[in-house]
C-alpha atoms as a PDB file:
ATOM      1  CA  MET A   1      26.936  73.011 -32.931  1.00  0.00           C
ATOM      2  CA  PRO A   2      26.489  70.496 -36.134  1.00  0.00           C
ATOM      3  CA  GLU A   3      23.620  68.190 -35.770  1.00  0.00           C
ATOM      4  CA  PRO A   4      23.847  64.337 -34.806  1.00  0.00           C
ATOM      5  CA  THR A   5      23.042  61.910 -37.651  1.00  0.00           C
ATOM      6  CA  THR A   6      22.009  59.016 -37.644  1.00  0.00           C
ATOM      7  CA  THR A   7      22.573  56.227 -40.070  1.00  0.00           C
ATOM      8  CA  THR A   8      20.289  53.391 -40.872  1.00  0.00           C
ATOM      9  CA  THR A   9      20.968  50.222 -42.676  1.00  0.00           C
ATOM     10  CA  THR A  10      19.227  48.696 -45.196  1.00  0.00           C
ATOM     11  CA  PRO A  11      19.549  44.801 -45.549  1.00  0.00           C
ATOM     12  CA  ALA A  12      20.890  43.552 -48.713  1.00  0.00           C
ATOM     13  CA  PRO A  13      18.877  42.375 -51.296  1.00  0.00           C
ATOM     14  CA  GLY A  14      18.138  38.455 -50.277  1.00  0.00           C
ATOM     15  CA  ALA A  15      18.654  38.701 -46.630  1.00  0.00           C
ATOM     16  CA  PRO A  16      16.566  37.314 -44.405  1.00  0.00           C
ATOM     17  CA  ALA A  17      14.137  39.757 -42.423  1.00  0.00           C
ATOM     18  CA  GLY A  18      13.422  39.204 -38.585  1.00  0.00           C
ATOM     19  CA  GLY A  19      17.096  39.750 -37.438  1.00  0.00           C
ATOM     20  CA  ALA A  20      18.209  36.274 -38.677  1.00  0.00           C
ATOM     21  CA  GLN A  21      21.561  35.550 -39.127  1.00  0.00           C
ATOM     22  CA  PRO A  22      22.759  33.666 -42.143  1.00  0.00           C
ATOM     23  CA  GLY A  23      24.459  30.683 -41.257  1.00  0.00           C
ATOM     24  CA  PRO A  24      27.338  29.023 -42.895  1.00  0.00           C
ATOM     25  CA  SER A  25      25.532  27.583 -45.515  1.00  0.00           C
ATOM     26  CA  GLY A  26      24.052  31.123 -46.129  1.00  0.00           C
ATOM     27  CA  ARG A  27      20.543  30.180 -44.571  1.00  0.00           C
ATOM     28  CA  ALA A  28      19.196  31.972 -41.850  1.00  0.00           C
ATOM     29  CA  GLU A  29      19.482  30.395 -38.621  1.00  0.00           C
ATOM     30  CA  ARG A  30      16.756  30.770 -36.036  1.00  0.00           C
ATOM     31  CA  GLU A  31      16.958  30.743 -32.510  1.00  0.00           C
ATOM     32  CA  PHE A  32      14.733  28.298 -30.639  1.00  0.00           C
ATOM     33  CA  THR A  33      14.209  28.525 -26.649  1.00  0.00           C
ATOM     34  CA  VAL A  34      12.979  25.762 -24.233  1.00  0.00           C
ATOM     35  CA  ALA A  35      10.481  26.729 -21.483  1.00  0.00           C
ATOM     36  CA  GLU A  36      12.149  26.434 -18.154  1.00  0.00           C
ATOM     37  CA  ARG A  37      11.062  23.023 -15.940  1.00  0.00           C
ATOM     38  CA  SER A  38      10.503  23.463 -12.231  1.00  0.00           C
ATOM     39  CA  GLN A  39      12.401  20.622 -10.377  1.00  0.00           C
ATOM     40  CA  PHE A  40       9.437  18.927  -9.723  1.00  0.00           C
ATOM     41  CA  GLN A  41       8.496  18.760 -13.479  1.00  0.00           C
ATOM     42  CA  LEU A  42      12.029  17.143 -14.094  1.00  0.00           C
ATOM     43  CA  VAL A  43      11.660  14.613 -11.194  1.00  0.00           C
ATOM     44  CA  LEU A  44       8.246  13.829 -12.531  1.00  0.00           C
ATOM     45  CA  ARG A  45       9.469  13.505 -16.465  1.00  0.00           C
ATOM     46  CA  ARG A  46      12.522  11.602 -15.292  1.00  0.00           C
ATOM     47  CA  PHE A  47       9.792   8.844 -13.149  1.00  0.00           C
ATOM     48  CA  LEU A  48       7.488   8.572 -16.136  1.00  0.00           C
ATOM     49  CA  GLN A  49      10.279   7.833 -18.297  1.00  0.00           C
ATOM     50  CA  HIS A  50      10.789   4.739 -15.788  1.00  0.00           C
ATOM     51  CA  ARG A  51       9.228   2.151 -17.561  1.00  0.00           C
ATOM     52  CA  LEU A  52       9.319  -0.610 -14.393  1.00  0.00           C
ATOM     53  CA  ALA A  53       8.540   1.850 -12.003  1.00  0.00           C
ATOM     54  CA  MET A  54       5.150   3.166 -13.944  1.00  0.00           C
ATOM     55  CA  VAL A  55       4.351  -0.214 -14.870  1.00  0.00           C
ATOM     56  CA  SER A  56       4.576  -1.150 -10.912  1.00  0.00           C
ATOM     57  CA  LEU A  57       2.174   2.130  -9.989  1.00  0.00           C
ATOM     58  CA  VAL A  58      -0.451   0.457 -12.763  1.00  0.00           C
ATOM     59  CA  VAL A  59      -0.309  -2.459 -11.339  1.00  0.00           C
ATOM     60  CA  LEU A  60      -0.913  -1.557  -7.716  1.00  0.00           C
ATOM     61  CA  VAL A  61      -3.206   0.953  -8.210  1.00  0.00           C
ATOM     62  CA  LEU A  62      -5.353  -1.687  -9.732  1.00  0.00           C
ATOM     63  CA  LEU A  63      -4.733  -4.226  -6.804  1.00  0.00           C
ATOM     64  CA  VAL A  64      -5.548  -1.253  -4.278  1.00  0.00           C
ATOM     65  CA  LEU A  65      -9.103  -0.785  -6.154  1.00  0.00           C
ATOM     66  CA  LEU A  66      -9.743  -4.148  -6.564  1.00  0.00           C
ATOM     67  CA  ALA A  67      -9.316  -4.229  -2.655  1.00  0.00           C
ATOM     68  CA  TYR A  68     -11.190  -1.691  -1.860  1.00  0.00           C
ATOM     69  CA  VAL A  69     -13.644  -0.969  -4.757  1.00  0.00           C
ATOM     70  CA  GLY A  70     -14.025  -4.576  -5.758  1.00  0.00           C
ATOM     71  CA  GLY A  71     -14.359  -5.560  -1.674  1.00  0.00           C
ATOM     72  CA  ALA A  72     -17.487  -3.311  -1.908  1.00  0.00           C
ATOM     73  CA  LEU A  73     -18.994  -4.549  -5.185  1.00  0.00           C
ATOM     74  CA  TRP A  74     -18.453  -8.483  -4.663  1.00  0.00           C
ATOM     75  CA  LYS A  75     -21.461 -10.380  -4.203  1.00  0.00           C
ATOM     76  CA  TYR A  76     -20.044 -12.524  -0.660  1.00  0.00           C
ATOM     77  CA  LYS A  77     -18.441 -10.257   1.910  1.00  0.00           C
ATOM     78  CA  PHE A  78     -16.056 -10.647   4.368  1.00  0.00           C
ATOM     79  CA  GLY A  79     -16.560 -13.530   6.918  1.00  0.00           C
ATOM     80  CA  GLU A  80     -19.573 -14.585   5.384  1.00  0.00           C
ATOM     81  CA  TYR A  81     -20.294 -18.378   5.428  1.00  0.00           C
ATOM     82  CA  THR A  82     -22.201 -20.239   2.169  1.00  0.00           C
ATOM     83  CA  PRO A  83     -23.168 -23.658   1.629  1.00  0.00           C
ATOM     84  CA  ASP A  84     -19.669 -24.546  -0.752  1.00  0.00           C
ATOM     85  CA  GLU A  85     -17.138 -25.697   1.801  1.00  0.00           C
ATOM     86  CA  SER A  86     -13.584 -26.710   0.158  1.00  0.00           C
ATOM     87  CA  GLU A  87     -14.754 -25.648  -3.101  1.00  0.00           C
ATOM     88  CA  PRO A  88     -11.914 -25.301  -5.749  1.00  0.00           C
ATOM     89  CA  PRO A  89     -11.555 -22.093  -7.947  1.00  0.00           C
ATOM     90  CA  SER A  90     -14.574 -21.522  -9.891  1.00  0.00           C
ATOM     91  CA  TRP A  91     -16.913 -18.666 -11.679  1.00  0.00           C
ATOM     92  CA  GLU A  92     -19.131 -18.444  -8.344  1.00  0.00           C
ATOM     93  CA  HIS A  93     -15.674 -18.705  -6.180  1.00  0.00           C
ATOM     94  CA  PRO A  94     -12.778 -17.129  -8.188  1.00  0.00           C
ATOM     95  CA  PHE A  95     -10.429 -18.003  -5.378  1.00  0.00           C
ATOM     96  CA  GLY A  96     -12.077 -21.094  -3.979  1.00  0.00           C
ATOM     97  CA  THR A  97     -13.817 -21.480  -0.514  1.00  0.00           C
ATOM     98  CA  ASP A  98     -12.262 -22.810   2.605  1.00  0.00           C
ATOM     99  CA  SER A  99     -13.559 -25.417   4.947  1.00  0.00           C
ATOM    100  CA  ALA A 100     -15.727 -23.332   6.477  1.00  0.00           C
ATOM    101  CA  GLY A 101     -17.470 -22.097   3.538  1.00  0.00           C
ATOM    102  CA  ARG A 102     -16.261 -18.498   3.248  1.00  0.00           C
ATOM    103  CA  ASP A 103     -15.332 -17.380  -0.106  1.00  0.00           C
ATOM    104  CA  GLN A 104     -11.869 -16.928  -0.245  1.00  0.00           C
ATOM    105  CA  PHE A 105     -11.795 -14.013  -2.948  1.00  0.00           C
ATOM    106  CA  ALA A 106     -13.556 -11.949  -0.174  1.00  0.00           C
ATOM    107  CA  GLN A 107     -11.061 -12.953   2.228  1.00  0.00           C
ATOM    108  CA  VAL A 108      -7.916 -12.415   0.184  1.00  0.00           C
ATOM    109  CA  LEU A 109      -9.936  -8.496  -0.446  1.00  0.00           C
ATOM    110  CA  ARG A 110     -10.025  -7.701   2.983  1.00  0.00           C
ATOM    111  CA  GLY A 111      -6.706  -9.122   3.466  1.00  0.00           C
ATOM    112  CA  THR A 112      -5.115  -6.991   1.480  1.00  0.00           C
ATOM    113  CA  GLN A 113      -7.027  -3.567   2.699  1.00  0.00           C
ATOM    114  CA  ILE A 114      -5.782  -4.635   6.118  1.00  0.00           C
ATOM    115  CA  SER A 115      -2.028  -5.050   4.876  1.00  0.00           C
ATOM    116  CA  LEU A 116      -1.986  -2.017   3.010  1.00  0.00           C
ATOM    117  CA  GLN A 117      -3.251   0.522   6.098  1.00  0.00           C
ATOM    118  CA  ILE A 118      -0.676  -1.241   8.353  1.00  0.00           C
ATOM    119  CA  ALA A 119       1.772  -0.363   5.399  1.00  0.00           C
ATOM    120  CA  VAL A 120       0.969   3.247   4.908  1.00  0.00           C
ATOM    121  CA  LEU A 121       0.373   3.531   8.553  1.00  0.00           C
ATOM    122  CA  VAL A 122       3.717   2.366   9.347  1.00  0.00           C
ATOM    123  CA  ALA A 123       5.641   4.498   6.235  1.00  0.00           C
ATOM    124  CA  LEU A 124       3.971   7.543   7.981  1.00  0.00           C
ATOM    125  CA  PHE A 125       4.380   7.371  11.289  1.00  0.00           C
ATOM    126  CA  ALA A 126       7.922   6.180  10.818  1.00  0.00           C
ATOM    127  CA  THR A 127       8.988   8.583   8.153  1.00  0.00           C
ATOM    128  CA  VAL A 128       7.599  11.398  10.159  1.00  0.00           C
ATOM    129  CA  VAL A 129       9.078  10.458  13.573  1.00  0.00           C
ATOM    130  CA  GLY A 130      12.713   9.588  11.854  1.00  0.00           C
ATOM    131  CA  THR A 131      12.727  12.489   9.911  1.00  0.00           C
ATOM    132  CA  ILE A 132      12.287  15.051  12.427  1.00  0.00           C
ATOM    133  CA  TRP A 133      14.484  13.149  14.766  1.00  0.00           C
ATOM    134  CA  GLY A 134      17.378  12.572  12.481  1.00  0.00           C
ATOM    135  CA  ALA A 135      16.887  16.326  11.141  1.00  0.00           C
ATOM    136  CA  VAL A 136      17.388  17.684  14.807  1.00  0.00           C
ATOM    137  CA  ALA A 137      20.187  15.896  15.732  1.00  0.00           C
ATOM    138  CA  GLY A 138      21.976  16.146  12.428  1.00  0.00           C
ATOM    139  CA  TYR A 139      21.339  20.060  12.520  1.00  0.00           C
ATOM    140  CA  PHE A 140      22.323  20.595  15.924  1.00  0.00           C
ATOM    141  CA  GLY A 141      25.249  18.175  16.211  1.00  0.00           C
ATOM    142  CA  GLY A 142      27.792  17.792  19.173  1.00  0.00           C
ATOM    143  CA  LEU A 143      26.154  16.153  22.462  1.00  0.00           C
ATOM    144  CA  VAL A 144      22.788  16.611  21.344  1.00  0.00           C
ATOM    145  CA  ASP A 145      23.475  14.678  18.200  1.00  0.00           C
ATOM    146  CA  THR A 146      25.445  11.927  20.087  1.00  0.00           C
ATOM    147  CA  LEU A 147      22.504  11.649  22.702  1.00  0.00           C
ATOM    148  CA  MET A 148      19.806  11.378  20.071  1.00  0.00           C
ATOM    149  CA  MET A 149      21.875   8.630  18.096  1.00  0.00           C
ATOM    150  CA  ARG A 150      22.233   6.721  20.658  1.00  0.00           C
ATOM    151  CA  VAL A 151      18.960   6.092  21.558  1.00  0.00           C
ATOM    152  CA  SER A 152      18.342   5.220  17.718  1.00  0.00           C
ATOM    153  CA  ASP A 153      20.973   2.875  18.112  1.00  0.00           C
ATOM    154  CA  LEU A 154      19.610   1.303  20.934  1.00  0.00           C
ATOM    155  CA  ILE A 155      16.183   0.985  19.021  1.00  0.00           C
ATOM    156  CA  LEU A 156      18.354  -0.510  16.233  1.00  0.00           C
ATOM    157  CA  THR A 157      19.736  -3.314  18.372  1.00  0.00           C
ATOM    158  CA  LEU A 158      16.243  -4.756  19.317  1.00  0.00           C
ATOM    159  CA  PRO A 159      14.867  -7.930  17.689  1.00  0.00           C
ATOM    160  CA  LEU A 160      12.271  -6.552  16.109  1.00  0.00           C
ATOM    161  CA  ILE A 161      10.218  -9.552  14.973  1.00  0.00           C
ATOM    162  CA  ALA A 162      10.595 -10.589  19.148  1.00  0.00           C
ATOM    163  CA  VAL A 163       9.778  -7.218  20.344  1.00  0.00           C
ATOM    164  CA  ALA A 164       6.746  -6.758  18.148  1.00  0.00           C
ATOM    165  CA  ALA A 165       5.528 -10.399  18.616  1.00  0.00           C
ATOM    166  CA  MET A 166       5.554  -9.607  22.724  1.00  0.00           C
ATOM    167  CA  LEU A 167       3.818  -6.364  22.606  1.00  0.00           C
ATOM    168  CA  GLY A 168       1.156  -7.566  19.822  1.00  0.00           C
ATOM    169  CA  HIS A 169       0.539 -10.184  21.909  1.00  0.00           C
ATOM    170  CA  ASN A 170       0.316  -8.435  24.427  1.00  0.00           C
ATOM    171  CA  PHE A 171      -2.295  -5.522  23.323  1.00  0.00           C
ATOM    172  CA  GLY A 172      -4.219  -7.247  21.098  1.00  0.00           C
ATOM    173  CA  GLY A 173      -4.167  -8.263  17.590  1.00  0.00           C
ATOM    174  CA  THR A 174      -5.940  -5.042  15.904  1.00  0.00           C
ATOM    175  CA  TRP A 175      -4.267  -3.560  12.706  1.00  0.00           C
ATOM    176  CA  TRP A 176      -3.784  -0.144  13.932  1.00  0.00           C
ATOM    177  CA  LEU A 177      -1.790  -1.658  17.387  1.00  0.00           C
ATOM    178  CA  ILE A 178       0.211  -3.940  15.269  1.00  0.00           C
ATOM    179  CA  ALA A 179       1.205  -0.655  12.679  1.00  0.00           C
ATOM    180  CA  LEU A 180       2.347   1.358  15.673  1.00  0.00           C
ATOM    181  CA  VAL A 181       4.023  -1.244  17.342  1.00  0.00           C
ATOM    182  CA  ILE A 182       6.348  -2.216  13.953  1.00  0.00           C
ATOM    183  CA  ALA A 183       6.219   1.970  13.289  1.00  0.00           C
ATOM    184  CA  GLY A 184       8.087   2.482  16.838  1.00  0.00           C
ATOM    185  CA  LEU A 185      11.010   0.147  16.007  1.00  0.00           C
ATOM    186  CA  TYR A 186      11.520   1.295  12.570  1.00  0.00           C
ATOM    187  CA  TRP A 187      11.841   5.319  13.030  1.00  0.00           C
ATOM    188  CA  ALA A 188      14.919   4.592  13.801  1.00  0.00           C
ATOM    189  CA  TYR A 189      16.351   3.449  10.208  1.00  0.00           C
ATOM    190  CA  VAL A 190      14.878   6.560   8.504  1.00  0.00           C
ATOM    191  CA  SER A 191      16.512   8.688  11.034  1.00  0.00           C
ATOM    192  CA  ARG A 192      19.588   7.574   9.944  1.00  0.00           C
ATOM    193  CA  VAL A 193      18.959   8.620   6.819  1.00  0.00           C
ATOM    194  CA  ALA A 194      17.707  12.061   7.634  1.00  0.00           C
ATOM    195  CA  ARG A 195      20.720  12.913   9.987  1.00  0.00           C
ATOM    196  CA  GLY A 196      22.852  11.547   6.984  1.00  0.00           C
ATOM    197  CA  VAL A 197      21.792  14.186   4.147  1.00  0.00           C
ATOM    198  CA  VAL A 198      21.080  17.015   6.931  1.00  0.00           C
ATOM    199  CA  LEU A 199      24.992  16.597   8.021  1.00  0.00           C
ATOM    200  CA  SER A 200      25.429  17.569   4.028  1.00  0.00           C
ATOM    201  CA  LEU A 201      23.520  19.982   3.600  1.00  0.00           C
ATOM    202  CA  ARG A 202      23.586  22.362   7.036  1.00  0.00           C
ATOM    203  CA  GLU A 203      27.026  23.720   5.943  1.00  0.00           C
ATOM    204  CA  LYS A 204      25.595  25.181   2.554  1.00  0.00           C
ATOM    205  CA  GLU A 205      25.493  28.406   1.523  1.00  0.00           C
ATOM    206  CA  PHE A 206      21.404  28.851   1.593  1.00  0.00           C
ATOM    207  CA  ILE A 207      21.511  27.452   5.197  1.00  0.00           C
ATOM    208  CA  GLU A 208      24.111  30.143   6.352  1.00  0.00           C
ATOM    209  CA  ALA A 209      21.967  32.528   4.204  1.00  0.00           C
ATOM    210  CA  ALA A 210      18.946  31.919   6.626  1.00  0.00           C
ATOM    211  CA  ARG A 211      20.697  32.294   9.512  1.00  0.00           C
ATOM    212  CA  ALA A 212      22.024  35.680   8.429  1.00  0.00           C
ATOM    213  CA  LEU A 213      18.702  36.737   7.756  1.00  0.00           C
ATOM    214  CA  GLY A 214      17.701  35.531  11.167  1.00  0.00           C
ATOM    215  CA  SER A 215      15.442  32.394  10.925  1.00  0.00           C
ATOM    216  CA  SER A 216      15.002  30.223  13.799  1.00  0.00           C
ATOM    217  CA  ASP A 217      16.593  26.935  14.106  1.00  0.00           C
ATOM    218  CA  VAL A 218      12.668  25.079  13.476  1.00  0.00           C
ATOM    219  CA  ARG A 219      12.226  27.146  10.565  1.00  0.00           C
ATOM    220  CA  ILE A 220      15.539  26.067   9.172  1.00  0.00           C
ATOM    221  CA  ILE A 221      14.861  22.784   9.774  1.00  0.00           C
ATOM    222  CA  LEU A 222      11.422  22.735   8.485  1.00  0.00           C
ATOM    223  CA  ARG A 223      11.600  25.069   5.621  1.00  0.00           C
ATOM    224  CA  HIS A 224      15.155  24.294   3.919  1.00  0.00           C
ATOM    225  CA  LEU A 225      16.623  21.013   5.613  1.00  0.00           C
ATOM    226  CA  VAL A 226      13.785  18.784   5.363  1.00  0.00           C
ATOM    227  CA  PRO A 227      12.418  19.872   2.235  1.00  0.00           C
ATOM    228  CA  ASN A 228      16.148  19.304   0.487  1.00  0.00           C
ATOM    229  CA  ALA A 229      16.235  15.782   2.262  1.00  0.00           C
ATOM    230  CA  LEU A 230      12.676  14.623   0.669  1.00  0.00           C
ATOM    231  CA  GLY A 231      14.465  12.496  -1.933  1.00  0.00           C
ATOM    232  CA  ALA A 232      16.350   9.732   0.009  1.00  0.00           C
ATOM    233  CA  ILE A 233      13.419   9.992   2.751  1.00  0.00           C
ATOM    234  CA  ILE A 234      10.964   9.421   0.227  1.00  0.00           C
ATOM    235  CA  VAL A 235      12.192   6.308  -1.224  1.00  0.00           C
ATOM    236  CA  ASN A 236      13.394   4.786   2.277  1.00  0.00           C
ATOM    237  CA  ALA A 237       9.139   5.559   2.688  1.00  0.00           C
ATOM    238  CA  THR A 238       8.671   3.008  -0.174  1.00  0.00           C
ATOM    239  CA  ILE A 239      10.811   0.536   0.804  1.00  0.00           C
ATOM    240  CA  LEU A 240       9.385   0.781   4.871  1.00  0.00           C
ATOM    241  CA  ILE A 241       5.932  -0.094   2.971  1.00  0.00           C
ATOM    242  CA  ALA A 242       7.463  -3.166   1.404  1.00  0.00           C
ATOM    243  CA  VAL A 243       9.181  -4.466   4.593  1.00  0.00           C
ATOM    244  CA  ALA A 244       5.969  -3.307   6.633  1.00  0.00           C
ATOM    245  CA  ILE A 245       3.870  -5.815   4.437  1.00  0.00           C
ATOM    246  CA  LEU A 246       6.477  -8.759   4.842  1.00  0.00           C
ATOM    247  CA  LEU A 247       6.938  -8.403   8.503  1.00  0.00           C
ATOM    248  CA  GLU A 248       3.146  -8.050   9.247  1.00  0.00           C
ATOM    249  CA  THR A 249       3.260 -11.011   7.314  1.00  0.00           C
ATOM    250  CA  ALA A 250       5.641 -13.104   9.207  1.00  0.00           C
ATOM    251  CA  LEU A 251       3.870 -12.126  12.466  1.00  0.00           C
ATOM    252  CA  SER A 252       0.790 -12.887  11.547  1.00  0.00           C
ATOM    253  CA  TYR A 253       2.070 -16.113  10.221  1.00  0.00           C
ATOM    254  CA  LEU A 254       3.702 -16.627  14.258  1.00  0.00           C
ATOM    255  CA  GLY A 255       0.593 -16.066  15.595  1.00  0.00           C
ATOM    256  CA  PHE A 256       1.192 -12.340  16.809  1.00  0.00           C
ATOM    257  CA  GLY A 257      -0.294 -10.414  14.004  1.00  0.00           C
ATOM    258  CA  VAL A 258      -3.907  -9.734  13.454  1.00  0.00           C
ATOM    259  CA  THR A 259      -6.086 -12.007  14.943  1.00  0.00           C
ATOM    260  CA  ALA A 260      -9.485 -13.011  13.961  1.00  0.00           C
ATOM    261  CA  PRO A 261     -12.284 -12.202  13.478  1.00  0.00           C
ATOM    262  CA  ASP A 262     -10.634  -9.495  10.979  1.00  0.00           C
ATOM    263  CA  THR A 263      -8.067 -11.235   8.752  1.00  0.00           C
ATOM    264  CA  SER A 264      -4.466 -10.225   6.700  1.00  0.00           C
ATOM    265  CA  LEU A 265      -2.826 -11.618   3.881  1.00  0.00           C
ATOM    266  CA  GLY A 266      -0.345 -13.089   6.450  1.00  0.00           C
ATOM    267  CA  LEU A 267      -3.064 -14.158   8.716  1.00  0.00           C
ATOM    268  CA  LEU A 268      -4.600 -16.327   5.570  1.00  0.00           C
ATOM    269  CA  VAL A 269      -0.873 -17.923   4.421  1.00  0.00           C
ATOM    270  CA  SER A 270      -0.391 -18.870   8.031  1.00  0.00           C
ATOM    271  CA  GLU A 271      -4.200 -20.601   8.418  1.00  0.00           C
ATOM    272  CA  ALA A 272      -3.770 -22.122   5.051  1.00  0.00           C
ATOM    273  CA  GLN A 273      -0.067 -23.867   5.711  1.00  0.00           C
ATOM    274  CA  THR A 274      -1.915 -27.303   6.865  1.00  0.00           C
ATOM    275  CA  ALA A 275      -3.694 -27.330   3.737  1.00  0.00           C
ATOM    276  CA  LEU A 276      -1.131 -26.635   1.405  1.00  0.00           C
ATOM    277  CA  SER A 277      -1.199 -30.392  -0.517  1.00  0.00           C
ATOM    278  CA  THR A 278      -4.925 -30.693  -0.527  1.00  0.00           C
ATOM    279  CA  ARG A 279      -6.685 -27.357  -1.121  1.00  0.00           C
ATOM    280  CA  PRO A 280      -3.377 -25.304  -2.427  1.00  0.00           C
ATOM    281  CA  TRP A 281      -5.675 -22.171  -3.469  1.00  0.00           C
ATOM    282  CA  LEU A 282      -5.887 -21.541   0.220  1.00  0.00           C
ATOM    283  CA  PHE A 283      -2.356 -20.872   0.378  1.00  0.00           C
ATOM    284  CA  TYR A 284      -0.992 -19.641  -3.122  1.00  0.00           C
ATOM    285  CA  PHE A 285      -3.508 -16.783  -3.840  1.00  0.00           C
ATOM    286  CA  PRO A 286      -3.113 -14.560  -0.601  1.00  0.00           C
ATOM    287  CA  GLY A 287       0.982 -15.198  -1.249  1.00  0.00           C
ATOM    288  CA  LEU A 288       0.666 -14.132  -4.754  1.00  0.00           C
ATOM    289  CA  PHE A 289      -1.000 -10.967  -3.523  1.00  0.00           C
ATOM    290  CA  ILE A 290       2.076 -10.128  -1.258  1.00  0.00           C
ATOM    291  CA  ILE A 291       4.303 -11.089  -3.769  1.00  0.00           C
ATOM    292  CA  LEU A 292       2.907  -8.545  -6.008  1.00  0.00           C
ATOM    293  CA  ILE A 293       2.527  -5.593  -3.837  1.00  0.00           C
ATOM    294  CA  ALA A 294       6.088  -6.071  -2.374  1.00  0.00           C
ATOM    295  CA  LEU A 295       7.413  -6.080  -5.899  1.00  0.00           C
ATOM    296  CA  CYS A 296       5.341  -3.432  -7.015  1.00  0.00           C
ATOM    297  CA  ILE A 297       6.262  -1.028  -4.158  1.00  0.00           C
ATOM    298  CA  ASN A 298      10.064  -2.033  -4.398  1.00  0.00           C
ATOM    299  CA  PHE A 299       9.958  -0.980  -8.368  1.00  0.00           C
ATOM    300  CA  ILE A 300       8.102   2.194  -7.545  1.00  0.00           C
ATOM    301  CA  GLY A 301      11.037   2.808  -4.913  1.00  0.00           C
ATOM    302  CA  ASP A 302      13.818   2.528  -7.697  1.00  0.00           C
ATOM    303  CA  GLY A 303      11.922   4.591  -9.877  1.00  0.00           C
ATOM    304  CA  LEU A 304      11.671   7.387  -7.195  1.00  0.00           C
ATOM    305  CA  ARG A 305      15.342   7.127  -6.333  1.00  0.00           C
ATOM    306  CA  ASP A 306      16.385   7.392 -10.084  1.00  0.00           C
ATOM    307  CA  ALA A 307      14.147  10.455 -10.611  1.00  0.00           C
ATOM    308  CA  LEU A 308      15.163  11.928  -7.393  1.00  0.00           C
ATOM    309  CA  ASP A 309      18.997  11.725  -8.054  1.00  0.00           C
ATOM    310  CA  PRO A 310      19.987  15.432  -9.341  1.00  0.00           C
ATOM    311  CA  GLN A 311      23.308  13.554 -11.194  1.00  0.00           C
ATOM    312  CA  GLN A 312      21.101  10.661 -12.840  1.00  0.00           C
ATOM    313  CA  THR A 313      21.730  11.083 -16.432  1.00  0.00           C
ATOM    314  CA  LYS A 314      20.152   8.110 -18.002  1.00  0.00           C
ATOM    315  CA  VAL A 315      16.997   6.434 -16.401  1.00  0.00           C
ATOM    316  CA  ARG A 316      16.337   2.972 -16.015  1.00  0.00           C
ATOM    317  CA  ARG A 317      13.938   1.307 -18.400  1.00  0.00           C
END
């Protein structure tokens, strides 16, 4: 029986070493590999490329630090009276003082704290309740979907400002009660968004595979459907923050929001409307903070929407 022969190939003189193949020009072509990125890394990369969203995020962070850190370090405290009454902006009082001698800068910082706390609580409560409600309705469908969505429709038909004004007036003007009232009326918007996304996801192959593996309905909703619907839900949560700030401003302006001795940006604007012609600094500075916060959150929401869109090919700058 003949012995097997082995053939060795000797590279030709001048041939590239290491297995690289010569290209059309005769030079060796190298293979380049790119490290695989996770979904989170791709979203973060697209968001960081959105310049307007990044600038808005920096401005918002600075406003939050100014409100909390600056409020704690500022020499005048919220509600503290000074001998300087109705003083215009100066080095001593950057935002001036009101007729009672209170430093307006300290007042605005405290108002920003309360308005942000209301907005965040509204976004969290409404997003959690609305997401679970909409996900359950969209997953089960049929009669369950019909009944649950009719409840959401009933909430959506209520005059939000009128109901919030009535409840806020009857149950006191503390900030967390105002936040719960607003959130109790706005979760229905989030439920509609969550239901629409879940309806498009529940027939996907990975949901069928989860059912075939014996996953419970609760596990499918919480571990598969909700995480895949987070893109649209997060964008709506950022919009809710801006809406909550504006709605709280409207309620406080009408006298149904936060009440003294505490304050908010809306309450400061409401109290300064009679002094607009004589002491405009009392009106414009809290109004400027409201506009900045609302714009920053809206631009951040735009950036998140673009970053979370899997079909996005070019990020707006």
